[in-house]
Amino acid sequence: MSYIKNIDHEAVLPLVKQVSAQPGQIVSKTLSQNKAVSLTLFAFAKGEEISTHDSEGDAMVQVLEGVGRFTVDGTQHLCTAGEVLVMPAKKPHSVYAVEAFKMLLTVVFPS
């Protein structure tokens, strides 16, 4: 049984190349999803956004490439490649692609 999917196992891979942005779109690739955790790669075209929502779990984004603007409970945060931001559970948040960018989203859910 494999808990991580949609990515080669036992291979060294550049994570940033595992998902590609498409004009006018947000592309996602789920790597794992269960009751405890969710791992998803995203690629945003410039100007694309995910509107305000919240999550039952803590969400941590790791920007892999480009620049994203994250608004958490009304406060804006610009994140660039190599930076992470934790968005606490149940706090409203949104994502906007200041430029094309890629991120890994990890959500840890309450047990």
C-alpha atoms as a PDB file:
ATOM      1  CA  MET A   1       0.000   0.000   0.000  1.00  0.00           C
ATOM      2  CA  SER A   2       1.252   3.449  -0.909  1.00  0.00           C
ATOM      3  CA  TYR A   3       0.312   6.506   1.160  1.00  0.00           C
ATOM      4  CA  ILE A   4       1.950   9.018  -1.190  1.00  0.00           C
ATOM      5  CA  LYS A   5       0.670   8.998  -4.778  1.00  0.00           C
ATOM      6  CA  ASN A   6       1.184  10.803  -8.087  1.00  0.00           C
ATOM      7  CA  ILE A   7       4.948  11.047  -7.634  1.00  0.00           C
ATOM      8  CA  ASP A   8       7.740   8.535  -8.246  1.00  0.00           C
ATOM      9  CA  HIS A   9       8.931   6.603  -5.215  1.00  0.00           C
ATOM     10  CA  GLU A  10      12.584   5.911  -4.416  1.00  0.00           C
ATOM     11  CA  ALA A  11      13.731   8.626  -6.811  1.00  0.00           C
ATOM     12  CA  VAL A  12      15.341  12.000  -6.150  1.00  0.00           C
ATOM     13  CA  LEU A  13      13.102  14.555  -7.860  1.00  0.00           C
ATOM     14  CA  PRO A  14      12.943  18.349  -8.119  1.00  0.00           C
ATOM     15  CA  LEU A  15       9.629  19.046  -6.370  1.00  0.00           C
ATOM     16  CA  VAL A  16       9.123  22.295  -8.299  1.00  0.00           C
ATOM     17  CA  LYS A  17       9.013  20.364 -11.589  1.00  0.00           C
ATOM     18  CA  GLN A  18       6.249  17.983 -10.481  1.00  0.00           C
ATOM     19  CA  VAL A  19       3.491  20.470 -11.398  1.00  0.00           C
ATOM     20  CA  SER A  20       3.273  23.082 -14.163  1.00  0.00           C
ATOM     21  CA  ALA A  21       1.301  26.312 -14.397  1.00  0.00           C
ATOM     22  CA  GLN A  22      -1.141  26.692 -17.282  1.00  0.00           C
ATOM     23  CA  PRO A  23      -2.318  30.097 -18.565  1.00  0.00           C
ATOM     24  CA  GLY A  24      -5.433  31.252 -16.731  1.00  0.00           C
ATOM     25  CA  GLN A  25      -5.467  28.252 -14.403  1.00  0.00           C
ATOM     26  CA  ILE A  26      -4.562  26.853 -11.033  1.00  0.00           C
ATOM     27  CA  VAL A  27      -3.177  23.348 -11.394  1.00  0.00           C
ATOM     28  CA  SER A  28      -3.076  21.007  -8.412  1.00  0.00           C
ATOM     29  CA  LYS A  29      -1.629  17.561  -7.809  1.00  0.00           C
ATOM     30  CA  THR A  30      -2.655  15.665  -4.684  1.00  0.00           C
ATOM     31  CA  LEU A  31       0.217  13.689  -3.176  1.00  0.00           C
ATOM     32  CA  SER A  32      -1.607  12.389  -0.114  1.00  0.00           C
ATOM     33  CA  GLN A  33      -4.973  12.874   1.537  1.00  0.00           C
ATOM     34  CA  ASN A  34      -6.469  11.151   4.549  1.00  0.00           C
ATOM     35  CA  LYS A  35      -8.127  12.025   7.877  1.00  0.00           C
ATOM     36  CA  ALA A  36      -4.822  13.224   9.379  1.00  0.00           C
ATOM     37  CA  VAL A  37      -2.969  15.062   6.607  1.00  0.00           C
ATOM     38  CA  SER A  38      -3.235  16.418   3.081  1.00  0.00           C
ATOM     39  CA  LEU A  39      -0.270  17.179   0.778  1.00  0.00           C
ATOM     40  CA  THR A  40      -0.963  19.029  -2.461  1.00  0.00           C
ATOM     41  CA  LEU A  41       1.276  20.705  -5.033  1.00  0.00           C
ATOM     42  CA  PHE A  42      -0.114  23.820  -6.718  1.00  0.00           C
ATOM     43  CA  ALA A  43       0.958  25.878  -9.724  1.00  0.00           C
ATOM     44  CA  PHE A  44      -0.773  29.257 -10.164  1.00  0.00           C
ATOM     45  CA  ALA A  45      -0.731  31.337 -13.327  1.00  0.00           C
ATOM     46  CA  LYS A  46      -0.136  35.048 -12.668  1.00  0.00           C
ATOM     47  CA  GLY A  47      -3.300  36.744 -11.400  1.00  0.00           C
ATOM     48  CA  GLU A  48      -5.099  33.531 -10.420  1.00  0.00           C
ATOM     49  CA  GLU A  49      -6.531  33.218  -6.933  1.00  0.00           C
ATOM     50  CA  ILE A  50      -8.329  31.028  -4.444  1.00  0.00           C
ATOM     51  CA  SER A  51     -11.001  33.069  -2.694  1.00  0.00           C
ATOM     52  CA  THR A  52     -11.418  33.356   1.057  1.00  0.00           C
ATOM     53  CA  HIS A  53     -12.159  30.092   2.827  1.00  0.00           C
ATOM     54  CA  ASP A  54     -11.072  28.283   5.987  1.00  0.00           C
ATOM     55  CA  SER A  55      -9.892  24.825   6.950  1.00  0.00           C
ATOM     56  CA  GLU A  56     -10.511  22.436   9.819  1.00  0.00           C
ATOM     57  CA  GLY A  57      -6.747  21.881  10.068  1.00  0.00           C
ATOM     58  CA  ASP A  58      -3.604  24.012  10.227  1.00  0.00           C
ATOM     59  CA  ALA A  59      -2.405  24.738   6.686  1.00  0.00           C
ATOM     60  CA  MET A  60       1.277  25.326   5.934  1.00  0.00           C
ATOM     61  CA  VAL A  61       2.352  26.592   2.525  1.00  0.00           C
ATOM     62  CA  GLN A  62       5.911  26.301   1.255  1.00  0.00           C
ATOM     63  CA  VAL A  63       6.509  28.479  -1.798  1.00  0.00           C
ATOM     64  CA  LEU A  64       8.690  26.630  -4.305  1.00  0.00           C
ATOM     65  CA  GLU A  65       8.895  29.258  -7.058  1.00  0.00           C
ATOM     66  CA  GLY A  66       7.586  32.772  -7.733  1.00  0.00           C
ATOM     67  CA  VAL A  67       5.580  35.042  -5.425  1.00  0.00           C
ATOM     68  CA  GLY A  68       2.239  34.454  -3.738  1.00  0.00           C
ATOM     69  CA  ARG A  69       0.158  36.767  -1.573  1.00  0.00           C
ATOM     70  CA  PHE A  70      -1.660  35.081   1.273  1.00  0.00           C
ATOM     71  CA  THR A  71      -4.289  36.936   3.262  1.00  0.00           C
ATOM     72  CA  VAL A  72      -4.896  35.366   6.671  1.00  0.00           C
ATOM     73  CA  ASP A  73      -7.633  36.785   8.880  1.00  0.00           C
ATOM     74  CA  GLY A  74      -7.290  40.137   7.076  1.00  0.00           C
ATOM     75  CA  THR A  75      -3.466  40.357   7.181  1.00  0.00           C
ATOM     76  CA  GLN A  76      -1.520  40.106   3.920  1.00  0.00           C
ATOM     77  CA  HIS A  77       1.732  38.143   3.620  1.00  0.00           C
ATOM     78  CA  LEU A  78       3.998  38.044   0.541  1.00  0.00           C
ATOM     79  CA  CYS A  79       5.904  34.781   0.285  1.00  0.00           C
ATOM     80  CA  THR A  80       8.701  33.927  -2.124  1.00  0.00           C
ATOM     81  CA  ALA A  81      10.587  30.735  -2.980  1.00  0.00           C
ATOM     82  CA  GLY A  82      11.925  28.995   0.107  1.00  0.00           C
ATOM     83  CA  GLU A  83       9.532  30.681   2.529  1.00  0.00           C
ATOM     84  CA  VAL A  84       6.733  29.070   4.524  1.00  0.00           C
ATOM     85  CA  LEU A  85       3.586  30.412   6.149  1.00  0.00           C
ATOM     86  CA  VAL A  86       1.272  28.656   8.580  1.00  0.00           C
ATOM     87  CA  MET A  87      -2.405  29.536   8.327  1.00  0.00           C
ATOM     88  CA  PRO A  88      -4.117  28.430  11.546  1.00  0.00           C
ATOM     89  CA  ALA A  89      -7.199  26.229  11.483  1.00  0.00           C
ATOM     90  CA  LYS A  90     -10.551  27.982  11.130  1.00  0.00           C
ATOM     91  CA  LYS A  91      -8.991  31.376  10.242  1.00  0.00           C
ATOM     92  CA  PRO A  92     -10.216  32.738   6.912  1.00  0.00           C
ATOM     93  CA  HIS A  93      -7.503  32.876   4.249  1.00  0.00           C
ATOM     94  CA  SER A  94      -7.055  33.409   0.514  1.00  0.00           C
ATOM     95  CA  VAL A  95      -4.256  33.045  -2.048  1.00  0.00           C
ATOM     96  CA  TYR A  96      -3.339  35.338  -4.967  1.00  0.00           C
ATOM     97  CA  ALA A  97      -0.584  34.839  -7.564  1.00  0.00           C
ATOM     98  CA  VAL A  98       1.334  38.128  -7.723  1.00  0.00           C
ATOM     99  CA  GLU A  99       3.334  36.344 -10.395  1.00  0.00           C
ATOM    100  CA  ALA A 100       3.212  32.742 -11.545  1.00  0.00           C
ATOM    101  CA  PHE A 101       4.125  30.630  -8.541  1.00  0.00           C
ATOM    102  CA  LYS A 102       4.222  27.101  -7.178  1.00  0.00           C
ATOM    103  CA  MET A 103       3.663  25.890  -3.650  1.00  0.00           C
ATOM    104  CA  LEU A 104       3.355  22.766  -1.555  1.00  0.00           C
ATOM    105  CA  LEU A 105       0.349  22.842   0.775  1.00  0.00           C
ATOM    106  CA  THR A 106       0.398  20.654   3.873  1.00  0.00           C
ATOM    107  CA  VAL A 107      -2.758  20.536   5.991  1.00  0.00           C
ATOM    108  CA  VAL A 108      -2.665  18.742   9.344  1.00  0.00           C
ATOM    109  CA  PHE A 109      -6.119  17.921  10.659  1.00  0.00           C
ATOM    110  CA  PRO A 110      -7.191  17.495  14.294  1.00  0.00           C
ATOM    111  CA  SER A 111      -7.421  13.897  15.490  1.00  0.00           C
END
